Amino acid sequence: MARGDLTDAQWARLEPLLPVGGKPGRPRLWTRRQLIDGIRWRTRAGTPWRDVPERYGPWDRVY
């Protein structure tokens, strides 16, 4: 977990609020938590989407 990422307690409160769903098919390569942390990182840092670190998933999937 990187500085600024959601803690387990924060994620436990947020996860039930996210929509359930998704189509059957290929499994996800990045967790929803990684993508949310990437969105939060980008918003906090104020940088272009392309500068989001790879640990949060590809920049074109994070937003």
PDB file of N, CA and C in Angstrom:
ATOM      1  N   MET A   1       0.850  -1.164   0.000  1.00  0.00           N
ATOM      2  CA  MET A   1       0.000   0.000   0.000  1.00  0.00           C
ATOM      3  C   MET A   1       0.901   1.234   0.000  1.00  0.00           C
ATOM      4  N   ALA A   2       0.614   2.140  -0.871  1.00  0.00           N
ATOM      5  CA  ALA A   2       1.378   3.386  -0.973  1.00  0.00           C
ATOM      6  C   ALA A   2       0.755   4.455  -0.078  1.00  0.00           C
ATOM      7  N   ARG A   3       1.552   5.443   0.221  1.00  0.00           N
ATOM      8  CA  ARG A   3       1.040   6.549   1.022  1.00  0.00           C
ATOM      9  C   ARG A   3      -0.152   7.171   0.301  1.00  0.00           C
ATOM     10  N   GLY A   4      -1.218   7.411   1.011  1.00  0.00           N
ATOM     11  CA  GLY A   4      -2.396   8.016   0.412  1.00  0.00           C
ATOM     12  C   GLY A   4      -3.417   7.018  -0.106  1.00  0.00           C
ATOM     13  N   ASP A   5      -3.062   5.738  -0.174  1.00  0.00           N
ATOM     14  CA  ASP A   5      -4.031   4.727  -0.601  1.00  0.00           C
ATOM     15  C   ASP A   5      -5.051   4.500   0.510  1.00  0.00           C
ATOM     16  N   LEU A   6      -6.192   3.963   0.142  1.00  0.00           N
ATOM     17  CA  LEU A   6      -7.223   3.664   1.124  1.00  0.00           C
ATOM     18  C   LEU A   6      -6.730   2.615   2.117  1.00  0.00           C
ATOM     19  N   THR A   7      -7.066   2.812   3.380  1.00  0.00           N
ATOM     20  CA  THR A   7      -6.764   1.790   4.379  1.00  0.00           C
ATOM     21  C   THR A   7      -7.802   0.682   4.244  1.00  0.00           C
ATOM     22  N   ASP A   8      -7.559  -0.439   4.904  1.00  0.00           N
ATOM     23  CA  ASP A   8      -8.528  -1.535   4.870  1.00  0.00           C
ATOM     24  C   ASP A   8      -9.872  -1.093   5.450  1.00  0.00           C
ATOM     25  N   ALA A   9      -9.839  -0.308   6.510  1.00  0.00           N
ATOM     26  CA  ALA A   9     -11.080   0.169   7.128  1.00  0.00           C
ATOM     27  C   ALA A   9     -11.844   1.095   6.177  1.00  0.00           C
ATOM     28  N   GLN A  10     -11.136   1.980   5.498  1.00  0.00           N
ATOM     29  CA  GLN A  10     -11.788   2.875   4.537  1.00  0.00           C
ATOM     30  C   GLN A  10     -12.378   2.083   3.376  1.00  0.00           C
ATOM     31  N   TRP A  11     -11.631   1.101   2.885  1.00  0.00           N
ATOM     32  CA  TRP A  11     -12.120   0.285   1.776  1.00  0.00           C
ATOM     33  C   TRP A  11     -13.354  -0.508   2.195  1.00  0.00           C
ATOM     34  N   ALA A  12     -13.367  -1.012   3.425  1.00  0.00           N
ATOM     35  CA  ALA A  12     -14.519  -1.773   3.919  1.00  0.00           C
ATOM     36  C   ALA A  12     -15.782  -0.907   3.935  1.00  0.00           C
ATOM     37  N   ARG A  13     -15.634   0.374   4.166  1.00  0.00           N
ATOM     38  CA  ARG A  13     -16.796   1.272   4.163  1.00  0.00           C
ATOM     39  C   ARG A  13     -17.213   1.659   2.746  1.00  0.00           C
ATOM     40  N   LEU A  14     -16.257   1.776   1.845  1.00  0.00           N
ATOM     41  CA  LEU A  14     -16.547   2.229   0.482  1.00  0.00           C
ATOM     42  C   LEU A  14     -17.058   1.106  -0.419  1.00  0.00           C
ATOM     43  N   GLU A  15     -16.491  -0.060  -0.307  1.00  0.00           N
ATOM     44  CA  GLU A  15     -16.793  -1.153  -1.243  1.00  0.00           C
ATOM     45  C   GLU A  15     -18.284  -1.471  -1.365  1.00  0.00           C
ATOM     46  N   PRO A  16     -19.052  -1.531  -0.265  1.00  0.00           N
ATOM     47  CA  PRO A  16     -20.482  -1.836  -0.422  1.00  0.00           C
ATOM     48  C   PRO A  16     -21.261  -0.773  -1.196  1.00  0.00           C
ATOM     49  N   LEU A  17     -20.713   0.420  -1.316  1.00  0.00           N
ATOM     50  CA  LEU A  17     -21.404   1.499  -2.019  1.00  0.00           C
ATOM     51  C   LEU A  17     -21.191   1.452  -3.533  1.00  0.00           C
ATOM     52  N   LEU A  18     -20.209   0.692  -3.982  1.00  0.00           N
ATOM     53  CA  LEU A  18     -19.917   0.591  -5.411  1.00  0.00           C
ATOM     54  C   LEU A  18     -20.898  -0.367  -6.077  1.00  0.00           C
ATOM     55  N   PRO A  19     -21.258  -0.094  -7.321  1.00  0.00           N
ATOM     56  CA  PRO A  19     -22.201  -0.985  -8.002  1.00  0.00           C
ATOM     57  C   PRO A  19     -21.608  -2.374  -8.222  1.00  0.00           C
ATOM     58  N   VAL A  20     -22.457  -3.355  -8.046  1.00  0.00           N
ATOM     59  CA  VAL A  20     -22.071  -4.735  -8.316  1.00  0.00           C
ATOM     60  C   VAL A  20     -22.429  -4.991  -9.765  1.00  0.00           C
ATOM     61  N   GLY A  21     -21.720  -5.846 -10.372  1.00  0.00           N
ATOM     62  CA  GLY A  21     -22.080  -6.121 -11.751  1.00  0.00           C
ATOM     63  C   GLY A  21     -20.886  -6.600 -12.516  1.00  0.00           C
ATOM     64  N   GLY A  22     -20.850  -6.175 -13.703  1.00  0.00           N
ATOM     65  CA  GLY A  22     -19.806  -6.659 -14.576  1.00  0.00           C
ATOM     66  C   GLY A  22     -20.358  -7.795 -15.405  1.00  0.00           C
ATOM     67  N   LYS A  23     -19.820  -7.904 -16.550  1.00  0.00           N
ATOM     68  CA  LYS A  23     -20.265  -8.949 -17.456  1.00  0.00           C
ATOM     69  C   LYS A  23     -19.434 -10.200 -17.226  1.00  0.00           C
ATOM     70  N   PRO A  24     -20.030 -11.347 -17.408  1.00  0.00           N
ATOM     71  CA  PRO A  24     -19.217 -12.558 -17.343  1.00  0.00           C
ATOM     72  C   PRO A  24     -18.216 -12.540 -18.493  1.00  0.00           C
ATOM     73  N   GLY A  25     -17.118 -13.135 -18.280  1.00  0.00           N
ATOM     74  CA  GLY A  25     -16.103 -13.147 -19.327  1.00  0.00           C
ATOM     75  C   GLY A  25     -14.724 -13.118 -18.717  1.00  0.00           C
ATOM     76  N   ARG A  26     -13.870 -12.341 -19.320  1.00  0.00           N
ATOM     77  CA  ARG A  26     -12.489 -12.274 -18.850  1.00  0.00           C
ATOM     78  C   ARG A  26     -12.425 -11.753 -17.423  1.00  0.00           C
ATOM     79  N   PRO A  27     -11.562 -12.326 -16.619  1.00  0.00           N
ATOM     80  CA  PRO A  27     -11.403 -11.808 -15.253  1.00  0.00           C
ATOM     81  C   PRO A  27     -10.679 -10.464 -15.277  1.00  0.00           C
ATOM     82  N   ARG A  28     -10.933  -9.675 -14.274  1.00  0.00           N
ATOM     83  CA  ARG A  28     -10.271  -8.373 -14.176  1.00  0.00           C
ATOM     84  C   ARG A  28      -8.802  -8.559 -13.853  1.00  0.00           C
ATOM     85  N   LEU A  29      -7.965  -7.728 -14.441  1.00  0.00           N
ATOM     86  CA  LEU A  29      -6.534  -7.779 -14.166  1.00  0.00           C
ATOM     87  C   LEU A  29      -6.161  -6.867 -13.011  1.00  0.00           C
ATOM     88  N   TRP A  30      -6.983  -5.852 -12.765  1.00  0.00           N
ATOM     89  CA  TRP A  30      -6.726  -4.902 -11.690  1.00  0.00           C
ATOM     90  C   TRP A  30      -7.943  -4.866 -10.797  1.00  0.00           C
ATOM     91  N   THR A  31      -7.703  -4.805  -9.514  1.00  0.00           N
ATOM     92  CA  THR A  31      -8.820  -4.779  -8.576  1.00  0.00           C
ATOM     93  C   THR A  31      -9.490  -3.413  -8.599  1.00  0.00           C
ATOM     94  N   ARG A  32     -10.718  -3.385  -8.154  1.00  0.00           N
ATOM     95  CA  ARG A  32     -11.438  -2.115  -8.070  1.00  0.00           C
ATOM     96  C   ARG A  32     -10.723  -1.175  -7.108  1.00  0.00           C
ATOM     97  N   ARG A  33     -10.152  -1.751  -6.083  1.00  0.00           N
ATOM     98  CA  ARG A  33      -9.438  -0.938  -5.096  1.00  0.00           C
ATOM     99  C   ARG A  33      -8.233  -0.236  -5.731  1.00  0.00           C
ATOM    100  N   GLN A  34      -7.502  -0.950  -6.587  1.00  0.00           N
ATOM    101  CA  GLN A  34      -6.369  -0.331  -7.285  1.00  0.00           C
ATOM    102  C   GLN A  34      -6.842   0.841  -8.142  1.00  0.00           C
ATOM    103  N   LEU A  35      -7.936   0.650  -8.853  1.00  0.00           N
ATOM    104  CA  LEU A  35      -8.432   1.698  -9.737  1.00  0.00           C
ATOM    105  C   LEU A  35      -8.912   2.913  -8.945  1.00  0.00           C
ATOM    106  N   ILE A  36      -9.611   2.671  -7.835  1.00  0.00           N
ATOM    107  CA  ILE A  36     -10.062   3.777  -6.982  1.00  0.00           C
ATOM    108  C   ILE A  36      -8.858   4.522  -6.418  1.00  0.00           C
ATOM    109  N   ASP A  37      -7.858   3.778  -5.952  1.00  0.00           N
ATOM    110  CA  ASP A  37      -6.648   4.423  -5.432  1.00  0.00           C
ATOM    111  C   ASP A  37      -5.950   5.230  -6.528  1.00  0.00           C
ATOM    112  N   GLY A  38      -5.971   4.735  -7.755  1.00  0.00           N
ATOM    113  CA  GLY A  38      -5.377   5.473  -8.868  1.00  0.00           C
ATOM    114  C   GLY A  38      -6.106   6.773  -9.163  1.00  0.00           C
ATOM    115  N   ILE A  39      -7.427   6.731  -9.120  1.00  0.00           N
ATOM    116  CA  ILE A  39      -8.222   7.947  -9.320  1.00  0.00           C
ATOM    117  C   ILE A  39      -7.911   8.950  -8.214  1.00  0.00           C
ATOM    118  N   ARG A  40      -7.849   8.460  -6.989  1.00  0.00           N
ATOM    119  CA  ARG A  40      -7.538   9.336  -5.853  1.00  0.00           C
ATOM    120  C   ARG A  40      -6.130   9.917  -5.985  1.00  0.00           C
ATOM    121  N   TRP A  41      -5.174   9.094  -6.426  1.00  0.00           N
ATOM    122  CA  TRP A  41      -3.798   9.573  -6.597  1.00  0.00           C
ATOM    123  C   TRP A  41      -3.757  10.697  -7.624  1.00  0.00           C
ATOM    124  N   ARG A  42      -4.408  10.483  -8.744  1.00  0.00           N
ATOM    125  CA  ARG A  42      -4.398  11.472  -9.826  1.00  0.00           C
ATOM    126  C   ARG A  42      -5.051  12.774  -9.373  1.00  0.00           C
ATOM    127  N   THR A  43      -6.161  12.677  -8.657  1.00  0.00           N
ATOM    128  CA  THR A  43      -6.852  13.864  -8.167  1.00  0.00           C
ATOM    129  C   THR A  43      -5.992  14.620  -7.161  1.00  0.00           C
ATOM    130  N   ARG A  44      -5.360  13.890  -6.268  1.00  0.00           N
ATOM    131  CA  ARG A  44      -4.515  14.502  -5.241  1.00  0.00           C
ATOM    132  C   ARG A  44      -3.269  15.140  -5.856  1.00  0.00           C
ATOM    133  N   ALA A  45      -2.653  14.463  -6.818  1.00  0.00           N
ATOM    134  CA  ALA A  45      -1.404  14.946  -7.413  1.00  0.00           C
ATOM    135  C   ALA A  45      -1.645  16.038  -8.459  1.00  0.00           C
ATOM    136  N   GLY A  46      -2.827  16.024  -9.085  1.00  0.00           N
ATOM    137  CA  GLY A  46      -3.130  17.030 -10.095  1.00  0.00           C
ATOM    138  C   GLY A  46      -2.314  16.873 -11.370  1.00  0.00           C
ATOM    139  N   THR A  47      -1.951  15.653 -11.694  1.00  0.00           N
ATOM    140  CA  THR A  47      -1.143  15.393 -12.883  1.00  0.00           C
ATOM    141  C   THR A  47      -2.013  14.842 -14.010  1.00  0.00           C
ATOM    142  N   PRO A  48      -1.491  14.771 -15.225  1.00  0.00           N
ATOM    143  CA  PRO A  48      -2.245  14.157 -16.321  1.00  0.00           C
ATOM    144  C   PRO A  48      -2.482  12.660 -16.057  1.00  0.00           C
ATOM    145  N   TRP A  49      -3.522  12.129 -16.665  1.00  0.00           N
ATOM    146  CA  TRP A  49      -3.850  10.715 -16.480  1.00  0.00           C
ATOM    147  C   TRP A  49      -2.679   9.813 -16.858  1.00  0.00           C
ATOM    148  N   ARG A  50      -1.947  10.172 -17.877  1.00  0.00           N
ATOM    149  CA  ARG A  50      -0.834   9.333 -18.339  1.00  0.00           C
ATOM    150  C   ARG A  50       0.266   9.189 -17.301  1.00  0.00           C
ATOM    151  N   ASP A  51       0.286  10.058 -16.294  1.00  0.00           N
ATOM    152  CA  ASP A  51       1.315  10.001 -15.259  1.00  0.00           C
ATOM    153  C   ASP A  51       0.916   9.165 -14.044  1.00  0.00           C
ATOM    154  N   VAL A  52      -0.263   8.560 -14.070  1.00  0.00           N
ATOM    155  CA  VAL A  52      -0.687   7.706 -12.951  1.00  0.00           C
ATOM    156  C   VAL A  52       0.251   6.497 -12.892  1.00  0.00           C
ATOM    157  N   PRO A  53       0.801   6.179 -11.712  1.00  0.00           N
ATOM    158  CA  PRO A  53       1.723   5.042 -11.606  1.00  0.00           C
ATOM    159  C   PRO A  53       1.082   3.724 -12.051  1.00  0.00           C
ATOM    160  N   GLU A  54       1.869   2.868 -12.629  1.00  0.00           N
ATOM    161  CA  GLU A  54       1.399   1.589 -13.169  1.00  0.00           C
ATOM    162  C   GLU A  54       0.794   0.689 -12.091  1.00  0.00           C
ATOM    163  N   ARG A  55       1.179   0.863 -10.835  1.00  0.00           N
ATOM    164  CA  ARG A  55       0.642  -0.001  -9.766  1.00  0.00           C
ATOM    165  C   ARG A  55      -0.871   0.142  -9.621  1.00  0.00           C
ATOM    166  N   TYR A  56      -1.442   1.221 -10.190  1.00  0.00           N
ATOM    167  CA  TYR A  56      -2.885   1.435 -10.130  1.00  0.00           C
ATOM    168  C   TYR A  56      -3.595   0.931 -11.381  1.00  0.00           C
ATOM    169  N   GLY A  57      -2.864   0.332 -12.275  1.00  0.00           N
ATOM    170  CA  GLY A  57      -3.431  -0.136 -13.528  1.00  0.00           C
ATOM    171  C   GLY A  57      -3.056   0.830 -14.641  1.00  0.00           C
ATOM    172  N   PRO A  58      -3.353   0.475 -15.879  1.00  0.00           N
ATOM    173  CA  PRO A  58      -3.013   1.336 -17.007  1.00  0.00           C
ATOM    174  C   PRO A  58      -3.758   2.670 -16.918  1.00  0.00           C
ATOM    175  N   TRP A  59      -3.108   3.726 -17.318  1.00  0.00           N
ATOM    176  CA  TRP A  59      -3.696   5.064 -17.190  1.00  0.00           C
ATOM    177  C   TRP A  59      -5.030   5.175 -17.905  1.00  0.00           C
ATOM    178  N   ASP A  60      -5.202   4.440 -19.013  1.00  0.00           N
ATOM    179  CA  ASP A  60      -6.451   4.564 -19.763  1.00  0.00           C
ATOM    180  C   ASP A  60      -7.579   3.707 -19.189  1.00  0.00           C
ATOM    181  N   ARG A  61      -7.322   3.000 -18.091  1.00  0.00           N
ATOM    182  CA  ARG A  61      -8.359   2.207 -17.415  1.00  0.00           C
ATOM    183  C   ARG A  61      -8.741   2.798 -16.068  1.00  0.00           C
ATOM    184  N   VAL A  62      -7.930   3.705 -15.558  1.00  0.00           N
ATOM    185  CA  VAL A  62      -8.120   4.199 -14.197  1.00  0.00           C
ATOM    186  C   VAL A  62      -9.298   5.153 -14.084  1.00  0.00           C
ATOM    187  N   TYR A  63      -9.560   5.970 -15.094  1.00  0.00           N
ATOM    188  CA  TYR A  63     -10.594   6.988 -14.926  1.00  0.00           C
ATOM    189  C   TYR A  63     -11.989   6.474 -15.176  1.00  0.00           C
TER     190      TYR A  63
END
